[in-house]
Amino acid sequence: MIQVCSQCGTRWNVRDRRRVWCPRCNGTLLAPTGPESGTEWSAPATSARPSSPGATPSRLPPGYRWIAVRPGAPPPPRRGRRPLGPTPRYPFIPRWGLTDHFEHVEQQESTPQTGPAPAKLRTLLLATMVVLGAAALIHLVRYALLIINRSVLLNPWIAGSATWLGVGISVIAMFAVVASAVVLANWLVARRAAAFAHRGHEDPRPGWALRAGCLVPLVNLAWAPVFVLELAGVEERLTWLRRPVVVWWLVWLVSYAVSIWSIATSFTQDAQGIADNTVTTTVAYLLALAALLLAYKVFEGFERQPVERPTKRWVVVSEAPEKAPEKVADTAEAAEQNPAAVAV
């Protein structure tokens, strides 16, 4: 009896006892084909091949199949994986993999701020605006009393109080405006120094030149806004702050002109001149209040973002951005391209 291994193709003479496994590769032995003679055991392997290229190969008997086998000894059996064992359990959270080591980098010490504190500057500006508003209100009341005085004689105490109260509030407003200008000039000098130092170089304009350009009358009209625009350019905020600075500049010019006119006409002695000067002074105080309010807006535009925080943020983008799908421009072209389209 001959049995053939289904894995390695070896023919085994099992005689009269049927076997299941191949002694060579432990493959499955096919069913026996019946008694075979010893001469067929050594039959040449080429007998099953066709004698000529055009001849059809002979069919294998049932239970046989062709198997491609590597010549030589069978490959060694694969070793199974080593058992991993039970899953490790810990009664507490292990710390051997949760420790982060950071290299200590010496940070540059930030330059101490030499200018006025922003909170104190805000308080001073708000107080100055309150004083200017109160001065405008008192002069408006004084103008109303002048109108009443044309037909009714006022009480000397009321007339004297209105006059001296206007003078007193004007003096307080003058000192408050000068103090606000000095503090704003010091803030501008400190802010410019910090902005230029953050970019690695010094301010090209000295401190005395900045203070002179901000505090000298008539000179500050031309130089103070220029200094502020330079600061906005250094901090890369000129796009957002150009318009507020220009509006503040224009209002400040008008306020300057009206204030000079009110001072020039304050020496009149006639009743109509005093009334006109009172109106001019009221308008001057209102314009000064508007100019200071716009200056406060410019100041908040700078203080809203520190010097150390960059205005631009760089974002990583892909080298080749995806193109948007092209849209069909015309319905008629789409109908020509689509043979199933029906013209309406």
C-alpha atoms as a PDB file:
ATOM      1  CA  MET A   1       0.000   0.000   0.000  1.00  0.00           C
ATOM      2  CA  ILE A   2       1.358   3.423  -0.986  1.00  0.00           C
ATOM      3  CA  GLN A   3       0.343   6.646   0.788  1.00  0.00           C
ATOM      4  CA  VAL A   4       1.493  10.095  -0.316  1.00  0.00           C
ATOM      5  CA  CYS A   5       2.144  12.968   2.104  1.00  0.00           C
ATOM      6  CA  SER A   6      -0.059  15.955   1.333  1.00  0.00           C
ATOM      7  CA  GLN A   7       2.609  18.395   2.573  1.00  0.00           C
ATOM      8  CA  CYS A   8       5.995  17.178   1.313  1.00  0.00           C
ATOM      9  CA  GLY A   9       4.796  14.757  -1.413  1.00  0.00           C
ATOM     10  CA  THR A  10       6.837  11.780  -0.180  1.00  0.00           C
ATOM     11  CA  ARG A  11       5.479   8.338  -1.131  1.00  0.00           C
ATOM     12  CA  TRP A  12       5.484   5.912   1.739  1.00  0.00           C
ATOM     13  CA  ASN A  13       5.094   2.163   1.460  1.00  0.00           C
ATOM     14  CA  VAL A  14       2.918   1.411   4.451  1.00  0.00           C
ATOM     15  CA  ARG A  15       2.382  -2.207   3.392  1.00  0.00           C
ATOM     16  CA  ASP A  16      -0.908  -3.481   4.733  1.00  0.00           C
ATOM     17  CA  ARG A  17      -1.299  -0.934   7.564  1.00  0.00           C
ATOM     18  CA  ARG A  18      -2.800   2.433   6.933  1.00  0.00           C
ATOM     19  CA  ARG A  19      -1.075   5.431   8.495  1.00  0.00           C
ATOM     20  CA  VAL A  20      -2.230   9.012   9.161  1.00  0.00           C
ATOM     21  CA  TRP A  21       0.922  11.144   9.703  1.00  0.00           C
ATOM     22  CA  CYS A  22       4.013  11.532   7.547  1.00  0.00           C
ATOM     23  CA  PRO A  23       7.157  10.313   9.396  1.00  0.00           C
ATOM     24  CA  ARG A  24       9.185  13.044   7.675  1.00  0.00           C
ATOM     25  CA  CYS A  25       7.227  16.270   8.139  1.00  0.00           C
ATOM     26  CA  ASN A  26       4.250  15.213  10.239  1.00  0.00           C
ATOM     27  CA  GLY A  27       1.974  16.109   7.354  1.00  0.00           C
ATOM     28  CA  THR A  28      -1.290  14.330   6.630  1.00  0.00           C
ATOM     29  CA  LEU A  29      -1.019  11.176   4.500  1.00  0.00           C
ATOM     30  CA  LEU A  30      -3.519  10.809   1.708  1.00  0.00           C
ATOM     31  CA  ALA A  31      -5.717   7.786   1.316  1.00  0.00           C
ATOM     32  CA  PRO A  32      -3.981   4.634  -0.003  1.00  0.00           C
ATOM     33  CA  THR A  33      -4.467   3.685  -3.635  1.00  0.00           C
ATOM     34  CA  GLY A  34      -4.373  -0.072  -3.280  1.00  0.00           C
ATOM     35  CA  PRO A  35      -1.620  -2.701  -3.612  1.00  0.00           C
ATOM     36  CA  GLU A  36       1.370  -1.319  -5.452  1.00  0.00           C
ATOM     37  CA  SER A  37       4.346  -3.297  -6.773  1.00  0.00           C
ATOM     38  CA  GLY A  38       7.882  -2.568  -5.786  1.00  0.00           C
ATOM     39  CA  THR A  39       8.774  -1.598  -9.323  1.00  0.00           C
ATOM     40  CA  GLU A  40       6.427   1.383  -9.218  1.00  0.00           C
ATOM     41  CA  TRP A  41       8.158   2.634  -6.086  1.00  0.00           C
ATOM     42  CA  SER A  42      11.239   3.492  -8.111  1.00  0.00           C
ATOM     43  CA  ALA A  43       9.362   4.761 -11.144  1.00  0.00           C
ATOM     44  CA  PRO A  44      10.926   7.857 -12.693  1.00  0.00           C
ATOM     45  CA  ALA A  45       9.346  11.130 -11.767  1.00  0.00           C
ATOM     46  CA  THR A  46       9.268  12.233 -15.396  1.00  0.00           C
ATOM     47  CA  SER A  47       6.759   9.577 -16.371  1.00  0.00           C
ATOM     48  CA  ALA A  48       3.865  11.860 -15.479  1.00  0.00           C
ATOM     49  CA  ARG A  49       5.226  14.671 -17.636  1.00  0.00           C
ATOM     50  CA  PRO A  50       4.119  14.927 -21.249  1.00  0.00           C
ATOM     51  CA  SER A  51       6.533  13.564 -23.861  1.00  0.00           C
ATOM     52  CA  SER A  52       6.113  16.573 -26.110  1.00  0.00           C
ATOM     53  CA  PRO A  53       5.230  20.205 -25.566  1.00  0.00           C
ATOM     54  CA  GLY A  54       1.913  19.846 -27.382  1.00  0.00           C
ATOM     55  CA  ALA A  55       0.757  16.728 -25.503  1.00  0.00           C
ATOM     56  CA  THR A  56      -1.636  17.127 -22.599  1.00  0.00           C
ATOM     57  CA  PRO A  57      -0.344  16.035 -19.198  1.00  0.00           C
ATOM     58  CA  SER A  58      -1.849  12.897 -17.740  1.00  0.00           C
ATOM     59  CA  ARG A  59      -4.284  13.323 -14.894  1.00  0.00           C
ATOM     60  CA  LEU A  60      -3.235  12.377 -11.419  1.00  0.00           C
ATOM     61  CA  PRO A  61      -5.201   9.579  -9.793  1.00  0.00           C
ATOM     62  CA  PRO A  62      -7.681  10.596  -7.109  1.00  0.00           C
ATOM     63  CA  GLY A  63      -6.045  11.489  -3.805  1.00  0.00           C
ATOM     64  CA  TYR A  64      -2.884  12.972  -5.408  1.00  0.00           C
ATOM     65  CA  ARG A  65      -1.870  16.593  -5.997  1.00  0.00           C
ATOM     66  CA  TRP A  66       1.203  18.510  -7.060  1.00  0.00           C
ATOM     67  CA  ILE A  67       2.983  20.337  -4.245  1.00  0.00           C
ATOM     68  CA  ALA A  68       6.047  22.625  -4.639  1.00  0.00           C
ATOM     69  CA  VAL A  69       8.564  21.592  -1.985  1.00  0.00           C
ATOM     70  CA  ARG A  70      11.901  23.166  -1.168  1.00  0.00           C
ATOM     71  CA  PRO A  71      14.745  20.716  -1.838  1.00  0.00           C
ATOM     72  CA  GLY A  72      16.730  19.429   1.065  1.00  0.00           C
ATOM     73  CA  ALA A  73      15.806  18.892   4.678  1.00  0.00           C
ATOM     74  CA  PRO A  74      12.527  20.296   5.941  1.00  0.00           C
ATOM     75  CA  PRO A  75      12.736  23.675   7.699  1.00  0.00           C
ATOM     76  CA  PRO A  76      13.046  23.598  11.457  1.00  0.00           C
ATOM     77  CA  PRO A  77       9.785  23.964  13.305  1.00  0.00           C
ATOM     78  CA  ARG A  78       8.924  27.451  14.478  1.00  0.00           C
ATOM     79  CA  ARG A  79       9.365  28.187  18.100  1.00  0.00           C
ATOM     80  CA  GLY A  80       6.315  29.362  19.869  1.00  0.00           C
ATOM     81  CA  ARG A  81       6.185  32.642  21.747  1.00  0.00           C
ATOM     82  CA  ARG A  82       7.293  32.606  25.306  1.00  0.00           C
ATOM     83  CA  PRO A  83       4.375  33.106  27.667  1.00  0.00           C
ATOM     84  CA  LEU A  84       4.238  36.656  28.934  1.00  0.00           C
ATOM     85  CA  GLY A  85       2.910  35.757  32.301  1.00  0.00           C
ATOM     86  CA  PRO A  86       0.255  37.583  34.257  1.00  0.00           C
ATOM     87  CA  THR A  87      -0.454  41.299  33.768  1.00  0.00           C
ATOM     88  CA  PRO A  88       1.588  43.351  36.253  1.00  0.00           C
ATOM     89  CA  ARG A  89      -0.405  45.173  38.899  1.00  0.00           C
ATOM     90  CA  TYR A  90       0.768  47.912  41.222  1.00  0.00           C
ATOM     91  CA  PRO A  91      -0.804  48.906  44.509  1.00  0.00           C
ATOM     92  CA  PHE A  92       0.146  52.539  43.781  1.00  0.00           C
ATOM     93  CA  ILE A  93       0.922  54.670  40.711  1.00  0.00           C
ATOM     94  CA  PRO A  94       4.485  53.892  39.567  1.00  0.00           C
ATOM     95  CA  ARG A  95       6.731  56.941  39.451  1.00  0.00           C
ATOM     96  CA  TRP A  96       9.566  55.536  37.382  1.00  0.00           C
ATOM     97  CA  GLY A  97       8.006  56.710  34.090  1.00  0.00           C
ATOM     98  CA  LEU A  98       6.297  59.926  35.128  1.00  0.00           C
ATOM     99  CA  THR A  99       9.297  62.080  36.019  1.00  0.00           C
ATOM    100  CA  ASP A 100      10.077  64.894  33.585  1.00  0.00           C
ATOM    101  CA  HIS A 101      13.547  66.347  33.558  1.00  0.00           C
ATOM    102  CA  PHE A 102      13.866  69.902  32.250  1.00  0.00           C
ATOM    103  CA  GLU A 103      17.084  71.712  31.669  1.00  0.00           C
ATOM    104  CA  HIS A 104      17.156  74.939  33.597  1.00  0.00           C
ATOM    105  CA  VAL A 105      17.659  77.761  31.140  1.00  0.00           C
ATOM    106  CA  GLU A 106      18.732  81.045  32.577  1.00  0.00           C
ATOM    107  CA  GLN A 107      16.115  83.539  31.598  1.00  0.00           C
ATOM    108  CA  GLN A 108      17.087  87.068  30.938  1.00  0.00           C
ATOM    109  CA  GLU A 109      15.999  89.318  33.708  1.00  0.00           C
ATOM    110  CA  SER A 110      13.326  91.683  32.517  1.00  0.00           C
ATOM    111  CA  THR A 111      14.282  95.327  32.529  1.00  0.00           C
ATOM    112  CA  PRO A 112      12.619  97.066  35.462  1.00  0.00           C
ATOM    113  CA  GLN A 113      10.060  99.604  34.411  1.00  0.00           C
ATOM    114  CA  THR A 114      11.303 103.121  35.081  1.00  0.00           C
ATOM    115  CA  GLY A 115       8.225 104.952  33.880  1.00  0.00           C
ATOM    116  CA  PRO A 116       5.031 105.684  35.805  1.00  0.00           C
ATOM    117  CA  ALA A 117       2.739 102.828  36.747  1.00  0.00           C
ATOM    118  CA  PRO A 118      -0.174 102.408  34.306  1.00  0.00           C
ATOM    119  CA  ALA A 119      -2.731 102.325  37.150  1.00  0.00           C
ATOM    120  CA  LYS A 120      -1.535 105.667  38.558  1.00  0.00           C
ATOM    121  CA  LEU A 121      -1.474 107.200  35.085  1.00  0.00           C
ATOM    122  CA  ARG A 122      -5.052 106.087  34.463  1.00  0.00           C
ATOM    123  CA  THR A 123      -6.127 107.612  37.769  1.00  0.00           C
ATOM    124  CA  LEU A 124      -4.439 110.921  36.953  1.00  0.00           C
ATOM    125  CA  LEU A 125      -5.978 111.081  33.476  1.00  0.00           C
ATOM    126  CA  LEU A 126      -9.451 110.329  34.804  1.00  0.00           C
ATOM    127  CA  ALA A 127      -9.074 112.953  37.528  1.00  0.00           C
ATOM    128  CA  THR A 128      -7.941 115.518  34.943  1.00  0.00           C
ATOM    129  CA  MET A 129     -10.919 114.731  32.744  1.00  0.00           C
ATOM    130  CA  VAL A 130     -13.244 115.214  35.728  1.00  0.00           C
ATOM    131  CA  VAL A 131     -11.655 118.597  36.477  1.00  0.00           C
ATOM    132  CA  LEU A 132     -11.982 119.704  32.842  1.00  0.00           C
ATOM    133  CA  GLY A 133     -15.607 118.668  32.773  1.00  0.00           C
ATOM    134  CA  ALA A 134     -16.290 120.521  36.013  1.00  0.00           C
ATOM    135  CA  ALA A 135     -14.571 123.650  34.632  1.00  0.00           C
ATOM    136  CA  ALA A 136     -16.684 123.547  31.484  1.00  0.00           C
ATOM    137  CA  LEU A 137     -19.849 123.147  33.599  1.00  0.00           C
ATOM    138  CA  ILE A 138     -18.966 126.071  35.899  1.00  0.00           C
ATOM    139  CA  HIS A 139     -18.273 128.367  32.944  1.00  0.00           C
ATOM    140  CA  LEU A 140     -21.561 127.312  31.389  1.00  0.00           C
ATOM    141  CA  VAL A 141     -23.346 128.257  34.631  1.00  0.00           C
ATOM    142  CA  ARG A 142     -21.446 131.533  34.660  1.00  0.00           C
ATOM    143  CA  TYR A 143     -22.669 132.277  31.130  1.00  0.00           C
ATOM    144  CA  ALA A 144     -26.240 131.579  32.236  1.00  0.00           C
ATOM    145  CA  LEU A 145     -25.792 133.997  35.148  1.00  0.00           C
ATOM    146  CA  LEU A 146     -24.505 136.642  32.735  1.00  0.00           C
ATOM    147  CA  ILE A 147     -27.655 136.279  30.687  1.00  0.00           C
ATOM    148  CA  ILE A 148     -29.811 136.573  33.823  1.00  0.00           C
ATOM    149  CA  ASN A 149     -27.822 139.604  34.953  1.00  0.00           C
ATOM    150  CA  ARG A 150     -28.938 141.538  31.872  1.00  0.00           C
ATOM    151  CA  SER A 151     -32.428 142.002  33.360  1.00  0.00           C
ATOM    152  CA  VAL A 152     -32.093 141.067  37.042  1.00  0.00           C
ATOM    153  CA  LEU A 153     -29.469 142.259  39.445  1.00  0.00           C
ATOM    154  CA  LEU A 154     -27.656 139.266  40.934  1.00  0.00           C
ATOM    155  CA  ASN A 155     -26.798 138.807  44.560  1.00  0.00           C
ATOM    156  CA  PRO A 156     -23.167 139.885  45.147  1.00  0.00           C
ATOM    157  CA  TRP A 157     -22.424 136.556  46.845  1.00  0.00           C
ATOM    158  CA  ILE A 158     -23.708 134.563  43.869  1.00  0.00           C
ATOM    159  CA  ALA A 159     -21.858 136.738  41.365  1.00  0.00           C
ATOM    160  CA  GLY A 160     -18.639 136.610  43.377  1.00  0.00           C
ATOM    161  CA  SER A 161     -18.888 132.867  43.932  1.00  0.00           C
ATOM    162  CA  ALA A 162     -19.396 132.187  40.211  1.00  0.00           C
ATOM    163  CA  THR A 163     -16.441 134.411  39.314  1.00  0.00           C
ATOM    164  CA  TRP A 164     -13.946 133.098  41.843  1.00  0.00           C
ATOM    165  CA  LEU A 165     -15.112 129.507  41.498  1.00  0.00           C
ATOM    166  CA  GLY A 166     -14.438 129.731  37.776  1.00  0.00           C
ATOM    167  CA  VAL A 167     -10.980 131.174  38.435  1.00  0.00           C
ATOM    168  CA  GLY A 168     -10.157 128.483  41.009  1.00  0.00           C
ATOM    169  CA  ILE A 169     -11.299 125.567  38.852  1.00  0.00           C
ATOM    170  CA  SER A 170      -9.364 127.032  35.907  1.00  0.00           C
ATOM    171  CA  VAL A 171      -6.160 127.079  37.973  1.00  0.00           C
ATOM    172  CA  ILE A 172      -6.748 123.496  39.139  1.00  0.00           C
ATOM    173  CA  ALA A 173      -7.453 122.399  35.557  1.00  0.00           C
ATOM    174  CA  MET A 174      -4.236 124.067  34.348  1.00  0.00           C
ATOM    175  CA  PHE A 175      -2.117 122.242  36.944  1.00  0.00           C
ATOM    176  CA  ALA A 176      -3.906 118.949  36.242  1.00  0.00           C
ATOM    177  CA  VAL A 177      -3.284 119.253  32.487  1.00  0.00           C
ATOM    178  CA  VAL A 178       0.397 120.059  33.044  1.00  0.00           C
ATOM    179  CA  ALA A 179       0.768 117.092  35.430  1.00  0.00           C
ATOM    180  CA  SER A 180      -0.930 114.780  32.928  1.00  0.00           C
ATOM    181  CA  ALA A 181       1.356 115.991  30.142  1.00  0.00           C
ATOM    182  CA  VAL A 182       4.488 115.404  32.261  1.00  0.00           C
ATOM    183  CA  VAL A 183       3.392 111.913  33.313  1.00  0.00           C
ATOM    184  CA  LEU A 184       2.411 110.989  29.730  1.00  0.00           C
ATOM    185  CA  ALA A 185       5.821 112.192  28.506  1.00  0.00           C
ATOM    186  CA  ASN A 186       7.587 110.036  31.106  1.00  0.00           C
ATOM    187  CA  TRP A 187       5.444 107.056  30.111  1.00  0.00           C
ATOM    188  CA  LEU A 188       6.282 107.594  26.448  1.00  0.00           C
ATOM    189  CA  VAL A 189      10.017 107.709  27.186  1.00  0.00           C
ATOM    190  CA  ALA A 190       9.865 104.509  29.284  1.00  0.00           C
ATOM    191  CA  ARG A 191       7.673 102.705  26.745  1.00  0.00           C
ATOM    192  CA  ARG A 192       9.974 103.589  23.852  1.00  0.00           C
ATOM    193  CA  ALA A 193      13.027 102.443  25.826  1.00  0.00           C
ATOM    194  CA  ALA A 194      11.367  99.106  26.638  1.00  0.00           C
ATOM    195  CA  ALA A 195      10.195  98.592  23.036  1.00  0.00           C
ATOM    196  CA  PHE A 196      13.619  99.291  21.528  1.00  0.00           C
ATOM    197  CA  ALA A 197      15.377  97.186  24.201  1.00  0.00           C
ATOM    198  CA  HIS A 198      13.061  94.265  23.430  1.00  0.00           C
ATOM    199  CA  ARG A 199      14.314  94.362  19.836  1.00  0.00           C
ATOM    200  CA  GLY A 200      17.966  94.520  20.846  1.00  0.00           C
ATOM    201  CA  HIS A 201      18.938  98.154  20.350  1.00  0.00           C
ATOM    202  CA  GLU A 202      18.592 101.515  22.043  1.00  0.00           C
ATOM    203  CA  ASP A 203      16.167 104.316  21.339  1.00  0.00           C
ATOM    204  CA  PRO A 204      17.782 106.614  18.731  1.00  0.00           C
ATOM    205  CA  ARG A 205      16.186 109.664  20.363  1.00  0.00           C
ATOM    206  CA  PRO A 206      17.526 110.693  23.803  1.00  0.00           C
ATOM    207  CA  GLY A 207      15.204 111.174  26.744  1.00  0.00           C
ATOM    208  CA  TRP A 208      15.671 114.949  26.951  1.00  0.00           C
ATOM    209  CA  ALA A 209      14.706 115.334  23.294  1.00  0.00           C
ATOM    210  CA  LEU A 210      11.552 113.272  23.831  1.00  0.00           C
ATOM    211  CA  ARG A 211      10.537 115.282  26.894  1.00  0.00           C
ATOM    212  CA  ALA A 212      11.264 118.577  25.166  1.00  0.00           C
ATOM    213  CA  GLY A 213       9.242 117.539  22.139  1.00  0.00           C
ATOM    214  CA  CYS A 214       6.297 116.573  24.360  1.00  0.00           C
ATOM    215  CA  LEU A 215       6.314 119.448  26.884  1.00  0.00           C
ATOM    216  CA  VAL A 216       7.474 122.601  25.110  1.00  0.00           C
ATOM    217  CA  PRO A 217       4.396 124.540  23.953  1.00  0.00           C
ATOM    218  CA  LEU A 218       3.766 124.680  20.194  1.00  0.00           C
ATOM    219  CA  VAL A 219       6.711 122.338  19.640  1.00  0.00           C
ATOM    220  CA  ASN A 220       4.782 119.420  21.090  1.00  0.00           C
ATOM    221  CA  LEU A 221       2.084 119.886  18.457  1.00  0.00           C
ATOM    222  CA  ALA A 222       4.504 118.686  15.774  1.00  0.00           C
ATOM    223  CA  TRP A 223       6.734 116.224  17.636  1.00  0.00           C
ATOM    224  CA  ALA A 224       4.604 114.428  20.235  1.00  0.00           C
ATOM    225  CA  PRO A 225       2.405 112.611  17.666  1.00  0.00           C
ATOM    226  CA  VAL A 226       5.524 111.734  15.655  1.00  0.00           C
ATOM    227  CA  PHE A 227       7.060 110.087  18.715  1.00  0.00           C
ATOM    228  CA  VAL A 228       3.864 108.114  19.325  1.00  0.00           C
ATOM    229  CA  LEU A 229       3.710 106.931  15.697  1.00  0.00           C
ATOM    230  CA  GLU A 230       7.353 105.825  15.888  1.00  0.00           C
ATOM    231  CA  LEU A 231       6.532 103.802  18.991  1.00  0.00           C
ATOM    232  CA  ALA A 232       3.598 102.166  17.216  1.00  0.00           C
ATOM    233  CA  GLY A 233       5.867 101.293  14.292  1.00  0.00           C
ATOM    234  CA  VAL A 234       8.483  99.709  16.556  1.00  0.00           C
ATOM    235  CA  GLU A 235       5.837  97.600  18.283  1.00  0.00           C
ATOM    236  CA  GLU A 236       4.286  96.675  14.879  1.00  0.00           C
ATOM    237  CA  ARG A 237       0.914  98.169  15.823  1.00  0.00           C
ATOM    238  CA  LEU A 238       0.858 101.058  13.380  1.00  0.00           C
ATOM    239  CA  THR A 239      -1.998  99.498  11.415  1.00  0.00           C
ATOM    240  CA  TRP A 240      -4.320  99.532  14.429  1.00  0.00           C
ATOM    241  CA  LEU A 241      -3.136 102.756  16.118  1.00  0.00           C
ATOM    242  CA  ARG A 242      -2.593 105.093  13.168  1.00  0.00           C
ATOM    243  CA  ARG A 243      -6.210 106.256  13.042  1.00  0.00           C
ATOM    244  CA  PRO A 244      -6.613 106.919  16.823  1.00  0.00           C
ATOM    245  CA  VAL A 245      -3.322 108.843  16.874  1.00  0.00           C
ATOM    246  CA  VAL A 246      -4.294 110.987  13.873  1.00  0.00           C
ATOM    247  CA  VAL A 247      -7.748 111.753  15.308  1.00  0.00           C
ATOM    248  CA  TRP A 248      -6.183 112.704  18.650  1.00  0.00           C
ATOM    249  CA  TRP A 249      -3.678 114.915  16.843  1.00  0.00           C
ATOM    250  CA  LEU A 250      -6.378 116.816  14.921  1.00  0.00           C
ATOM    251  CA  VAL A 251      -8.577 117.344  17.991  1.00  0.00           C
ATOM    252  CA  TRP A 252      -5.530 118.474  19.945  1.00  0.00           C
ATOM    253  CA  LEU A 253      -4.700 121.079  17.258  1.00  0.00           C
ATOM    254  CA  VAL A 254      -8.228 122.494  17.394  1.00  0.00           C
ATOM    255  CA  SER A 255      -8.180 122.499  21.207  1.00  0.00           C
ATOM    256  CA  TYR A 256      -4.825 124.303  21.177  1.00  0.00           C
ATOM    257  CA  ALA A 257      -6.148 126.991  18.833  1.00  0.00           C
ATOM    258  CA  VAL A 258      -9.353 127.570  20.805  1.00  0.00           C
ATOM    259  CA  SER A 259      -7.443 127.701  24.112  1.00  0.00           C
ATOM    260  CA  ILE A 260      -5.059 130.339  22.752  1.00  0.00           C
ATOM    261  CA  TRP A 261      -7.999 132.357  21.496  1.00  0.00           C
ATOM    262  CA  SER A 262      -9.775 132.139  24.868  1.00  0.00           C
ATOM    263  CA  ILE A 263      -6.635 133.365  26.677  1.00  0.00           C
ATOM    264  CA  ALA A 264      -6.178 136.202  24.198  1.00  0.00           C
ATOM    265  CA  THR A 265      -9.788 137.419  24.633  1.00  0.00           C
ATOM    266  CA  SER A 266      -9.863 137.093  28.430  1.00  0.00           C
ATOM    267  CA  PHE A 267      -8.699 140.694  29.005  1.00  0.00           C
ATOM    268  CA  THR A 268     -11.834 142.352  27.660  1.00  0.00           C
ATOM    269  CA  GLN A 269     -13.848 144.629  29.989  1.00  0.00           C
ATOM    270  CA  ASP A 270     -17.214 145.066  28.243  1.00  0.00           C
ATOM    271  CA  ALA A 271     -20.157 142.809  29.024  1.00  0.00           C
ATOM    272  CA  GLN A 272     -20.435 141.307  25.530  1.00  0.00           C
ATOM    273  CA  GLY A 273     -16.710 140.549  25.412  1.00  0.00           C
ATOM    274  CA  ILE A 274     -16.859 138.830  28.797  1.00  0.00           C
ATOM    275  CA  ALA A 275     -19.825 136.738  27.633  1.00  0.00           C
ATOM    276  CA  ASP A 276     -18.057 135.788  24.390  1.00  0.00           C
ATOM    277  CA  ASN A 277     -14.920 134.855  26.291  1.00  0.00           C
ATOM    278  CA  THR A 278     -16.943 132.711  28.673  1.00  0.00           C
ATOM    279  CA  VAL A 279     -18.410 130.766  25.730  1.00  0.00           C
ATOM    280  CA  THR A 280     -14.967 130.411  24.146  1.00  0.00           C
ATOM    281  CA  THR A 281     -13.509 129.163  27.430  1.00  0.00           C
ATOM    282  CA  THR A 282     -16.317 126.618  27.806  1.00  0.00           C
ATOM    283  CA  VAL A 283     -15.692 125.285  24.298  1.00  0.00           C
ATOM    284  CA  ALA A 284     -11.935 125.218  24.989  1.00  0.00           C
ATOM    285  CA  TYR A 285     -12.458 123.099  28.098  1.00  0.00           C
ATOM    286  CA  LEU A 286     -14.727 120.694  26.198  1.00  0.00           C
ATOM    287  CA  LEU A 287     -12.181 120.342  23.396  1.00  0.00           C
ATOM    288  CA  ALA A 288      -9.399 119.791  25.954  1.00  0.00           C
ATOM    289  CA  LEU A 289     -11.558 117.106  27.553  1.00  0.00           C
ATOM    290  CA  ALA A 290     -12.059 115.450  24.140  1.00  0.00           C
ATOM    291  CA  ALA A 291      -8.316 115.614  23.352  1.00  0.00           C
ATOM    292  CA  LEU A 292      -7.428 114.102  26.717  1.00  0.00           C
ATOM    293  CA  LEU A 293     -10.026 111.369  26.228  1.00  0.00           C
ATOM    294  CA  LEU A 294      -8.528 110.485  22.823  1.00  0.00           C
ATOM    295  CA  ALA A 295      -5.031 110.509  24.361  1.00  0.00           C
ATOM    296  CA  TYR A 296      -6.325 108.092  26.990  1.00  0.00           C
ATOM    297  CA  LYS A 297      -7.638 105.876  24.189  1.00  0.00           C
ATOM    298  CA  VAL A 298      -4.207 105.872  22.508  1.00  0.00           C
ATOM    299  CA  PHE A 299      -2.573 105.067  25.841  1.00  0.00           C
ATOM    300  CA  GLU A 300      -4.935 102.116  26.361  1.00  0.00           C
ATOM    301  CA  GLY A 301      -4.170 100.930  22.826  1.00  0.00           C
ATOM    302  CA  PHE A 302      -0.536 100.488  23.838  1.00  0.00           C
ATOM    303  CA  GLU A 303      -1.137  99.165  27.341  1.00  0.00           C
ATOM    304  CA  ARG A 304      -3.648  96.583  26.137  1.00  0.00           C
ATOM    305  CA  GLN A 305      -0.735  94.428  24.991  1.00  0.00           C
ATOM    306  CA  PRO A 306       2.656  94.264  26.757  1.00  0.00           C
ATOM    307  CA  VAL A 307       5.874  94.938  24.895  1.00  0.00           C
ATOM    308  CA  GLU A 308       7.121  91.368  25.451  1.00  0.00           C
ATOM    309  CA  ARG A 309       4.085  89.783  23.785  1.00  0.00           C
ATOM    310  CA  PRO A 310       4.491  89.651  19.992  1.00  0.00           C
ATOM    311  CA  THR A 311       1.766  91.108  17.822  1.00  0.00           C
ATOM    312  CA  LYS A 312       2.248  88.561  15.020  1.00  0.00           C
ATOM    313  CA  ARG A 313       1.883  84.845  15.599  1.00  0.00           C
ATOM    314  CA  TRP A 314       3.549  82.402  13.218  1.00  0.00           C
ATOM    315  CA  VAL A 315       1.548  79.306  12.317  1.00  0.00           C
ATOM    316  CA  VAL A 316       2.835  76.144  10.595  1.00  0.00           C
ATOM    317  CA  VAL A 317       1.053  75.532   7.289  1.00  0.00           C
ATOM    318  CA  SER A 318       1.457  72.864   4.648  1.00  0.00           C
ATOM    319  CA  GLU A 319       3.789  73.561   1.733  1.00  0.00           C
ATOM    320  CA  ALA A 320       1.151  72.834  -0.908  1.00  0.00           C
ATOM    321  CA  PRO A 321      -2.277  73.948   0.304  1.00  0.00           C
ATOM    322  CA  GLU A 322      -5.193  72.081  -1.099  1.00  0.00           C
ATOM    323  CA  LYS A 323      -6.877  73.834  -3.968  1.00  0.00           C
ATOM    324  CA  ALA A 324     -10.563  74.555  -3.715  1.00  0.00           C
ATOM    325  CA  PRO A 325     -12.682  72.561  -6.154  1.00  0.00           C
ATOM    326  CA  GLU A 326     -13.384  74.526  -9.302  1.00  0.00           C
ATOM    327  CA  LYS A 327     -16.987  75.558  -9.661  1.00  0.00           C
ATOM    328  CA  VAL A 328     -18.866  75.382 -12.911  1.00  0.00           C
ATOM    329  CA  ALA A 329     -19.107  78.932 -14.204  1.00  0.00           C
ATOM    330  CA  ASP A 330     -21.983  78.618 -16.621  1.00  0.00           C
ATOM    331  CA  THR A 331     -25.012  76.343 -16.646  1.00  0.00           C
ATOM    332  CA  ALA A 332     -24.940  76.089 -20.427  1.00  0.00           C
ATOM    333  CA  GLU A 333     -21.330  74.804 -20.365  1.00  0.00           C
ATOM    334  CA  ALA A 334     -22.302  72.253 -17.735  1.00  0.00           C
ATOM    335  CA  ALA A 335     -25.174  71.102 -19.905  1.00  0.00           C
ATOM    336  CA  GLU A 336     -22.848  70.689 -22.909  1.00  0.00           C
ATOM    337  CA  GLN A 337     -20.399  68.638 -20.869  1.00  0.00           C
ATOM    338  CA  ASN A 338     -23.132  66.385 -19.464  1.00  0.00           C
ATOM    339  CA  PRO A 339     -24.793  64.398 -22.267  1.00  0.00           C
ATOM    340  CA  ALA A 340     -27.718  63.568 -19.960  1.00  0.00           C
ATOM    341  CA  ALA A 341     -28.564  67.259 -19.405  1.00  0.00           C
ATOM    342  CA  VAL A 342     -31.809  68.429 -20.926  1.00  0.00           C
ATOM    343  CA  ALA A 343     -32.211  72.008 -22.113  1.00  0.00           C
ATOM    344  CA  VAL A 344     -35.289  73.764 -20.713  1.00  0.00           C
END
